[in-house]
Protein backbone atom coordinates (compact mmCIF):
# COMPACT_ATOMS: atom_id res chain seq x y z
CA UNK A 1 -48.83 32.91 -111.12
CA UNK A 2 -45.51 32.57 -109.32
CA UNK A 3 -45.98 31.97 -105.60
CA UNK A 4 -42.93 34.04 -104.67
CA UNK A 5 -44.12 37.01 -106.71
CA UNK A 6 -47.57 36.90 -105.16
CA UNK A 7 -46.17 36.91 -101.64
CA UNK A 8 -43.80 39.84 -102.24
CA UNK A 9 -45.54 42.11 -104.76
CA UNK A 10 -48.30 44.69 -104.27
CA UNK A 11 -50.90 44.86 -107.10
CA UNK A 12 -50.38 47.70 -109.57
CA UNK A 13 -52.43 50.74 -108.64
CA UNK A 14 -53.11 49.49 -105.11
CA UNK A 15 -53.85 51.86 -102.25
CA UNK A 16 -52.70 50.95 -98.75
CA UNK A 17 -54.53 51.81 -95.51
CA UNK A 18 -52.97 51.51 -92.08
CA UNK A 19 -55.50 50.24 -89.55
CA UNK A 20 -55.34 50.04 -85.78
CA UNK A 21 -57.28 46.88 -84.92
CA UNK A 22 -57.69 46.33 -81.17
CA UNK A 23 -54.26 47.92 -80.68
CA UNK A 24 -52.58 45.97 -83.49
CA UNK A 25 -51.38 47.85 -86.57
CA UNK A 26 -52.27 46.26 -89.92
CA UNK A 27 -51.44 47.48 -93.45
CA UNK A 28 -54.18 46.63 -95.97
CA UNK A 29 -53.56 46.93 -99.73
CA UNK A 30 -55.98 46.42 -102.62
CA UNK A 31 -56.39 47.84 -106.11
CA UNK A 32 -60.08 46.94 -106.34
CA UNK A 33 -62.40 49.86 -105.42
CA UNK A 34 -65.25 47.43 -104.69
CA UNK A 35 -63.22 45.65 -102.02
CA UNK A 36 -61.90 48.92 -100.55
CA UNK A 37 -65.40 50.43 -100.42
CA UNK A 38 -66.88 47.37 -98.72
CA UNK A 39 -64.10 47.41 -96.12
CA UNK A 40 -64.74 51.10 -95.41
CA UNK A 41 -68.52 50.68 -95.29
CA UNK A 42 -68.26 47.71 -92.91
CA UNK A 43 -65.93 49.26 -90.34
CA UNK A 44 -67.99 52.43 -90.16
CA UNK A 45 -67.94 54.77 -88.34
CA UNK A 46 -64.39 55.09 -87.02
CA UNK A 47 -63.99 52.81 -84.03
CA UNK A 48 -66.44 50.18 -85.25
CA UNK A 49 -65.20 46.94 -83.66
CA UNK A 50 -62.14 48.87 -82.45
CA UNK A 51 -60.93 49.43 -86.03
CA UNK A 52 -59.51 52.89 -86.74
CA UNK A 53 -57.02 54.56 -89.03
CA UNK A 54 -53.57 53.98 -87.51
CA UNK A 55 -51.28 56.88 -86.78
CA UNK A 56 -47.99 57.12 -88.63
CA UNK A 57 -45.07 55.62 -86.79
CA UNK A 58 -45.49 52.04 -85.59
CA UNK A 59 -44.46 49.39 -88.10
CA UNK A 60 -47.38 47.21 -89.20
CA UNK A 61 -47.44 43.83 -87.47
CA UNK A 62 -49.16 42.27 -90.46
CA UNK A 63 -49.65 43.27 -94.10
CA UNK A 64 -52.77 42.06 -95.91
CA UNK A 65 -52.59 42.18 -99.72
CA UNK A 66 -55.65 41.61 -101.92
CA UNK A 67 -55.10 40.22 -105.46
CA UNK A 68 -58.17 39.91 -107.72
CA UNK A 69 -57.63 37.47 -110.60
CA UNK A 70 -59.81 35.50 -113.05
CA UNK A 71 -61.27 32.37 -111.48
CA UNK A 72 -59.26 30.16 -113.85
CA UNK A 73 -55.98 31.63 -112.56
CA UNK A 74 -57.07 31.16 -108.94
CA UNK A 75 -57.96 27.52 -109.65
CA UNK A 76 -54.61 26.97 -111.40
CA UNK A 77 -52.73 28.43 -108.42
CA UNK A 78 -54.49 26.05 -106.05
CA UNK A 79 -53.88 23.12 -108.40
CA UNK A 80 -50.17 23.84 -108.85
CA UNK A 81 -49.54 24.28 -105.11
CA UNK A 82 -51.54 21.15 -104.28
CA UNK A 83 -49.31 19.15 -106.63
CA UNK A 84 -46.15 19.92 -104.64
CA UNK A 85 -47.25 21.08 -101.17
CA UNK A 86 -47.87 18.93 -98.13
CA UNK A 87 -51.65 18.64 -97.75
CA UNK A 88 -53.66 18.76 -94.54
CA UNK A 89 -56.77 20.69 -93.55
CA UNK A 90 -57.81 23.54 -91.26
CA UNK A 91 -60.97 24.83 -89.61
CA UNK A 92 -62.02 28.06 -91.32
CA UNK A 93 -65.07 28.37 -89.07
CA UNK A 94 -66.38 25.98 -86.45
CA UNK A 95 -66.83 22.47 -87.93
CA UNK A 96 -66.08 23.66 -91.47
CA UNK A 97 -62.78 22.29 -92.68
CA UNK A 98 -60.95 23.11 -95.92
CA UNK A 99 -57.62 22.06 -97.50
CA UNK A 100 -54.28 23.69 -96.72
CA UNK A 101 -50.90 23.11 -98.36
CA UNK A 102 -47.54 23.77 -96.73
CA UNK A 103 -44.67 24.74 -99.05
CA UNK A 104 -41.17 26.14 -98.69
CA UNK A 105 -42.52 29.62 -99.53
CA UNK A 106 -45.41 29.53 -97.03
CA UNK A 107 -48.83 28.00 -96.50
CA UNK A 108 -51.77 28.18 -98.91
CA UNK A 109 -55.24 27.97 -97.38
CA UNK A 110 -58.16 27.28 -99.71
CA UNK A 111 -61.01 29.72 -99.01
CA UNK A 112 -64.57 28.76 -99.79
CA UNK A 113 -67.75 30.20 -98.31
CA UNK A 114 -69.94 27.52 -96.77
CA UNK A 115 -72.84 28.56 -99.05
CA UNK A 116 -70.89 28.85 -102.33
CA UNK A 117 -68.64 26.74 -104.54
CA UNK A 118 -66.38 29.62 -105.68
CA UNK A 119 -62.82 29.17 -104.42
CA UNK A 120 -60.15 31.64 -103.38
CA UNK A 121 -56.74 31.22 -101.79
CA UNK A 122 -54.90 32.79 -98.89
CA UNK A 123 -51.12 32.63 -98.70
CA UNK A 124 -49.60 33.00 -95.22
CA UNK A 125 -45.96 34.04 -95.07
CA UNK A 126 -43.91 35.80 -92.41
CA UNK A 127 -45.60 39.10 -91.57
CA UNK A 128 -47.97 38.92 -94.52
CA UNK A 129 -51.34 37.56 -95.64
CA UNK A 130 -51.93 37.45 -99.43
CA UNK A 131 -55.48 36.93 -100.68
CA UNK A 132 -55.85 35.64 -104.25
CA UNK A 133 -59.49 35.55 -105.20
CA UNK A 134 -61.89 35.90 -108.15
CA UNK A 135 -63.03 39.25 -109.51
CA UNK A 136 -66.60 38.73 -108.26
CA UNK A 137 -68.90 40.24 -105.61
CA UNK A 138 -68.18 37.24 -103.39
CA UNK A 139 -64.45 37.63 -103.99
CA UNK A 140 -64.53 41.30 -102.97
CA UNK A 141 -65.84 40.24 -99.54
CA UNK A 142 -62.79 38.18 -98.56
CA UNK A 143 -60.70 41.21 -97.61
CA UNK A 144 -63.35 42.46 -95.19
CA UNK A 145 -63.93 38.97 -93.84
CA UNK A 146 -60.23 38.46 -93.05
CA UNK A 147 -59.94 41.84 -91.27
CA UNK A 148 -63.09 41.03 -89.27
CA UNK A 149 -61.73 37.57 -88.43
CA UNK A 150 -58.49 39.09 -87.15
CA UNK A 151 -60.39 41.68 -85.11
CA UNK A 152 -62.58 38.95 -83.59
CA UNK A 153 -59.55 36.95 -82.55
CA UNK A 154 -57.81 40.00 -81.06
CA UNK A 155 -61.00 40.82 -79.12
CA UNK A 156 -61.41 37.29 -77.79
CA UNK A 157 -57.74 37.14 -76.81
CA UNK A 158 -58.25 40.31 -74.75
CA UNK A 159 -61.06 38.68 -72.75
CA UNK A 160 -64.28 39.68 -74.51
CA UNK A 161 -67.44 37.78 -73.62
CA UNK A 162 -69.13 37.09 -76.98
CA UNK A 163 -72.91 36.91 -77.16
CA UNK A 164 -75.30 35.97 -79.98
CA UNK A 165 -77.01 39.32 -79.80
CA UNK A 166 -78.08 42.47 -81.59
CA UNK A 167 -78.03 45.81 -79.79
CA UNK A 168 -79.27 49.38 -79.90
CA UNK A 169 -78.49 52.42 -77.78
CA UNK A 170 -80.82 54.73 -75.91
CA UNK A 171 -79.76 57.83 -74.00
CA UNK A 172 -76.09 56.78 -74.20
CA UNK A 173 -76.52 53.21 -72.95
CA UNK A 174 -76.35 49.93 -74.87
CA UNK A 175 -79.27 47.49 -74.71
CA UNK A 176 -78.55 43.94 -75.79
CA UNK A 177 -81.32 42.22 -77.75
CA UNK A 178 -80.75 38.51 -77.13
CA UNK A 179 -82.66 35.49 -78.36
CA UNK A 180 -82.41 32.24 -80.24
CA UNK A 181 -82.17 32.24 -84.04
CA UNK A 182 -85.44 33.50 -85.51
CA UNK A 183 -86.57 35.30 -82.33
CA UNK A 184 -86.42 38.69 -84.03
CA UNK A 185 -83.26 40.19 -82.52
CA UNK A 186 -82.25 42.19 -85.58
CA UNK A 187 -85.79 43.38 -86.33
CA UNK A 188 -86.38 44.53 -82.75
CA UNK A 189 -83.01 46.26 -82.37
CA UNK A 190 -83.14 48.21 -85.63
CA UNK A 191 -86.83 49.08 -85.17
CA UNK A 192 -86.26 50.56 -81.71
CA UNK A 193 -83.17 52.40 -82.90
CA UNK A 194 -85.35 54.04 -85.58
CA UNK A 195 -88.22 54.97 -83.28
CA UNK A 196 -86.59 56.06 -80.02
CA UNK A 197 -85.16 59.54 -79.62
CA UNK A 198 -81.52 59.71 -78.51
CA UNK A 199 -81.09 56.22 -79.97
CA UNK A 200 -78.71 54.42 -82.31
CA UNK A 201 -78.05 50.97 -83.77
CA UNK A 202 -74.99 49.00 -82.72
CA UNK A 203 -74.81 45.72 -84.56
CA UNK A 204 -76.29 42.49 -85.75
CA UNK A 205 -75.89 38.95 -84.43
CA UNK A 206 -72.73 39.29 -82.33
CA UNK A 207 -71.76 41.61 -79.49
CA UNK A 208 -68.60 41.70 -77.38
CA UNK A 209 -68.82 42.56 -73.68
CA UNK A 210 -65.75 43.72 -71.74
CA UNK A 211 -65.67 44.32 -68.00
CA UNK A 212 -64.77 47.89 -67.02
CA UNK A 213 -64.68 48.15 -63.25
CA UNK A 214 -68.24 47.56 -62.03
CA UNK A 215 -69.70 47.89 -65.54
CA UNK A 216 -69.54 46.27 -68.98
CA UNK A 217 -68.81 47.95 -72.26
CA UNK A 218 -70.60 46.60 -75.33
CA UNK A 219 -68.73 46.60 -78.63
CA UNK A 220 -70.40 45.79 -81.94
CA UNK A 221 -69.01 43.26 -84.40
CA UNK A 222 -69.96 44.61 -87.86
CA UNK A 223 -71.58 41.60 -89.45
CA UNK A 224 -74.05 42.54 -92.20
CA UNK A 225 -77.57 43.28 -91.04
CA UNK A 226 -79.53 40.34 -92.47
CA UNK A 227 -83.26 40.96 -92.77
CA UNK A 228 -86.16 39.69 -94.84
CA UNK A 229 -89.16 41.58 -96.14
CA UNK A 230 -91.19 40.56 -93.11
CA UNK A 231 -88.78 42.51 -90.92
CA UNK A 232 -89.06 45.55 -93.20
CA UNK A 233 -92.85 45.24 -93.01
CA UNK A 234 -92.76 45.21 -89.21
CA UNK A 235 -90.65 48.37 -89.33
CA UNK A 236 -92.96 49.99 -91.87
CA UNK A 237 -90.20 50.23 -94.51
CA UNK A 238 -91.52 50.07 -98.08
CA UNK A 239 -89.07 52.13 -100.19
CA UNK A 240 -86.32 49.52 -100.51
CA UNK A 241 -86.63 49.00 -104.27
CA UNK A 242 -84.23 51.86 -105.04
CA UNK A 243 -81.50 50.76 -102.62
CA UNK A 244 -78.02 50.06 -104.00
CA UNK A 245 -76.37 47.43 -101.80
CA UNK A 246 -72.90 45.83 -101.89
CA UNK A 247 -74.51 42.39 -101.64
CA UNK A 248 -77.33 43.21 -104.06
CA UNK A 249 -80.81 41.77 -103.63
CA UNK A 250 -81.49 38.04 -103.18
CA UNK A 251 -81.87 36.23 -106.49
CA UNK A 252 -85.22 35.76 -108.18
CA UNK A 253 -87.03 32.80 -106.71
CA UNK A 254 -85.53 33.23 -103.22
CA UNK A 255 -87.79 33.36 -100.18
CA UNK A 256 -86.55 36.66 -98.74
CA UNK A 257 -90.00 38.21 -99.26
CA UNK A 258 -91.58 35.74 -96.81
CA UNK A 259 -91.84 36.65 -93.15
CA UNK A 260 -89.57 33.81 -92.00
CA UNK A 261 -87.60 33.48 -95.25
CA UNK A 262 -84.11 32.02 -94.95
CA UNK A 263 -82.76 34.17 -97.80
CA UNK A 264 -82.16 37.66 -96.49
CA UNK A 265 -81.20 41.13 -97.59
CA UNK A 266 -77.71 41.98 -96.31
CA UNK A 267 -76.67 45.52 -95.47
CA UNK A 268 -73.30 46.93 -94.41
CA UNK A 269 -73.11 49.26 -91.42
CA UNK A 270 -73.00 52.35 -93.61
CA UNK A 271 -75.92 51.06 -95.72
CA UNK A 272 -77.97 50.67 -92.52
CA UNK A 273 -77.31 54.31 -91.69
CA UNK A 274 -77.99 55.47 -95.24
CA UNK A 275 -81.20 53.59 -95.99
CA UNK A 276 -82.75 52.96 -92.57
CA UNK A 277 -81.74 56.43 -91.39
CA UNK A 278 -80.43 55.45 -87.98
CA UNK A 279 -77.20 56.60 -86.27
CA UNK A 280 -74.52 53.92 -85.87
CA UNK A 281 -72.87 53.60 -82.44
CA UNK A 282 -69.76 51.37 -82.29
CA UNK A 283 -69.62 50.96 -78.49
CA UNK A 284 -71.43 52.05 -75.33
CA UNK A 285 -71.75 51.08 -71.65
CA UNK A 286 -74.20 48.26 -71.05
CA UNK A 287 -77.53 49.57 -69.71
CA UNK A 288 -79.94 46.64 -70.03
CA UNK A 289 -81.11 43.53 -71.88
CA UNK A 290 -84.23 42.86 -73.95
CA UNK A 291 -85.43 39.35 -74.85
CA UNK A 292 -87.62 39.71 -77.98
CA UNK A 293 -90.17 37.74 -79.92
CA UNK A 294 -91.41 38.77 -83.36
CA UNK A 295 -94.49 36.76 -84.35
CA UNK A 296 -97.47 38.11 -86.36
CA UNK A 297 -99.75 35.46 -84.84
CA UNK A 298 -98.96 36.32 -81.20
CA UNK A 299 -100.49 39.15 -79.14
CA UNK A 300 -98.43 42.16 -78.12
CA UNK A 301 -96.62 41.76 -74.80
CA UNK A 302 -94.06 43.69 -72.78
CA UNK A 303 -92.75 43.37 -69.25
CA UNK A 304 -89.90 42.37 -66.97
CA UNK A 305 -87.91 39.20 -67.66
CA UNK A 306 -86.98 36.92 -64.80
CA UNK A 307 -83.37 36.14 -64.04
CA UNK A 308 -84.20 32.48 -64.69
CA UNK A 309 -85.40 33.34 -68.21
CA UNK A 310 -82.28 35.44 -68.78
CA UNK A 311 -80.04 32.58 -67.66
CA UNK A 312 -81.84 30.12 -69.92
CA UNK A 313 -81.60 32.29 -73.05
CA UNK A 314 -78.03 33.44 -72.37
CA UNK A 315 -76.76 29.90 -71.80
CA UNK A 316 -77.82 29.03 -75.37
CA UNK A 317 -76.51 32.23 -76.90
CA UNK A 318 -73.13 32.76 -75.27
CA UNK A 319 -70.44 32.00 -77.84
CA UNK A 320 -67.72 32.15 -75.19
CA UNK A 321 -69.06 29.05 -73.39
CA UNK A 322 -68.68 26.77 -76.42
CA UNK A 323 -67.21 28.79 -79.25
CA UNK A 324 -69.27 27.82 -82.27
CA UNK A 325 -68.06 30.79 -84.31
CA UNK A 326 -64.32 30.51 -84.68
CA UNK A 327 -62.34 27.46 -85.67
CA UNK A 328 -58.67 27.08 -84.93
CA UNK A 329 -56.42 30.15 -85.01
CA UNK A 330 -55.22 29.19 -88.48
CA UNK A 331 -53.67 32.62 -89.10
CA UNK A 332 -51.63 32.35 -85.91
CA UNK A 333 -52.17 35.96 -84.84
CA UNK A 334 -53.33 36.00 -81.23
CA UNK A 335 -50.26 34.56 -79.55
CA UNK A 336 -50.08 32.89 -76.16
CA UNK A 337 -51.71 33.70 -72.81
CA UNK A 338 -55.13 34.98 -73.86
CA UNK A 339 -57.24 36.64 -71.15
CA UNK A 340 -60.22 34.59 -70.00
CA UNK A 341 -63.64 36.24 -70.49
CA UNK A 342 -66.03 36.78 -67.57
CA UNK A 343 -67.94 33.63 -66.70
CA UNK A 344 -71.59 33.42 -67.65
CA UNK A 345 -72.45 33.17 -63.95
CA UNK A 346 -70.58 36.39 -63.17
CA UNK A 347 -72.20 38.16 -66.12
CA UNK A 348 -75.68 37.08 -64.97
CA UNK A 349 -74.99 38.32 -61.45
CA UNK A 350 -73.93 41.69 -62.85
CA UNK A 351 -76.84 42.20 -65.27
CA UNK A 352 -79.33 41.32 -62.51
CA UNK A 353 -78.83 44.94 -61.43
CA UNK A 354 -79.94 46.23 -64.87
CA UNK A 355 -83.36 46.31 -66.59
CA UNK A 356 -84.17 42.83 -67.94
CA UNK A 357 -87.16 43.06 -70.28
CA UNK A 358 -89.25 40.81 -72.57
CA UNK A 359 -91.36 41.74 -75.57
CA UNK A 360 -93.55 40.25 -78.28
CA UNK A 361 -94.52 42.18 -81.41
CA UNK A 362 -96.11 41.25 -84.72
CA UNK A 363 -96.61 44.42 -86.74
CA UNK A 364 -95.59 48.06 -87.13
CA UNK A 365 -98.22 49.25 -84.62
CA UNK A 366 -96.83 46.83 -82.01
CA UNK A 367 -93.31 48.14 -82.57
CA UNK A 368 -94.49 51.72 -82.01
CA UNK A 369 -96.17 50.60 -78.79
CA UNK A 370 -93.01 48.76 -77.73
CA UNK A 371 -90.91 51.89 -78.18
CA UNK A 372 -93.22 53.86 -75.87
CA UNK A 373 -93.35 51.09 -73.26
CA UNK A 374 -89.59 50.61 -73.37
CA UNK A 375 -88.97 54.32 -72.90
CA UNK A 376 -91.24 54.44 -69.85
CA UNK A 377 -89.69 51.31 -68.34
CA UNK A 378 -86.06 52.40 -68.55
CA UNK A 379 -86.90 55.94 -67.48
CA UNK A 380 -88.61 54.57 -64.36
CA UNK A 381 -85.47 52.55 -63.55
CA UNK A 382 -83.37 55.71 -63.16
């Protein structure tokens, strides 16, 4: 593969979408339906993570081109560039460094998921990002991952406070579900979204909060919903065998069918709507915070959370304090003079005026009880 051809050509049969991403216009081209479908199903519905179809008119700031090739050709491209380019490394995600090679034509970044050995390449040239990756399910995900990475950086540059949180909506307001890894954030958020009337699901694992006058607006980052069979059991979901998922089911021998299994089922935003039958809400004004616990061995509990408890949990789950998500801005897209996010202290002072709740559930009956108790608690607040 000629480097110059890759960085100037569009794959035969490619379709191009123009996306408005946090106010930045991107052109995205791929000829692989699997990659295009995953991109559409991730940034769903329109406005998810501030990603929408862009109107005709403004010239795209950046063009992203997706080339799917046999793994041997991808490996040969990396080998040939490494033989002549100037080698260094870069931080793809926090504390995960990979090789990069600077050449006269541009820079090649080696892409490799932290959990896989399969390699892809990204070529950065003026006004363009070219992905060259294998024709595999993992390869199809790079296009979505790059668009999401760009959107995350645009959001952070605009001053978003980023929290390790799931969220659901009720009666038009967003309720953050915040806890340490394994607390049951995703299970609690999706379960309440399914059970409450006038409810919806926002997102899994990461939420962005932006100050709007005296309020905050919560915006979902569309990471896949990652759940194990224990979470489905708590929600009373048993008909998953017939689901068709972009990521497929965990391989035979994995532990996803254990309550605390590390291997998890991964669902795109549209798949969550389709199979768990819950409306998806991309953004909503912040209305409250719930600190969950999912533990089959613990008794049911529900009540108010103290501000001290909120401060303790939030300090460990605020990505904006010590950004453990994003590495360096290796794509160079956010520019200078980013807006600082609200401080954690200011955010705590603001949410002290909202319902702060705690819960502990262990089975489907507990979740049903939680939905009723939650509804009464937030209704009483009004």
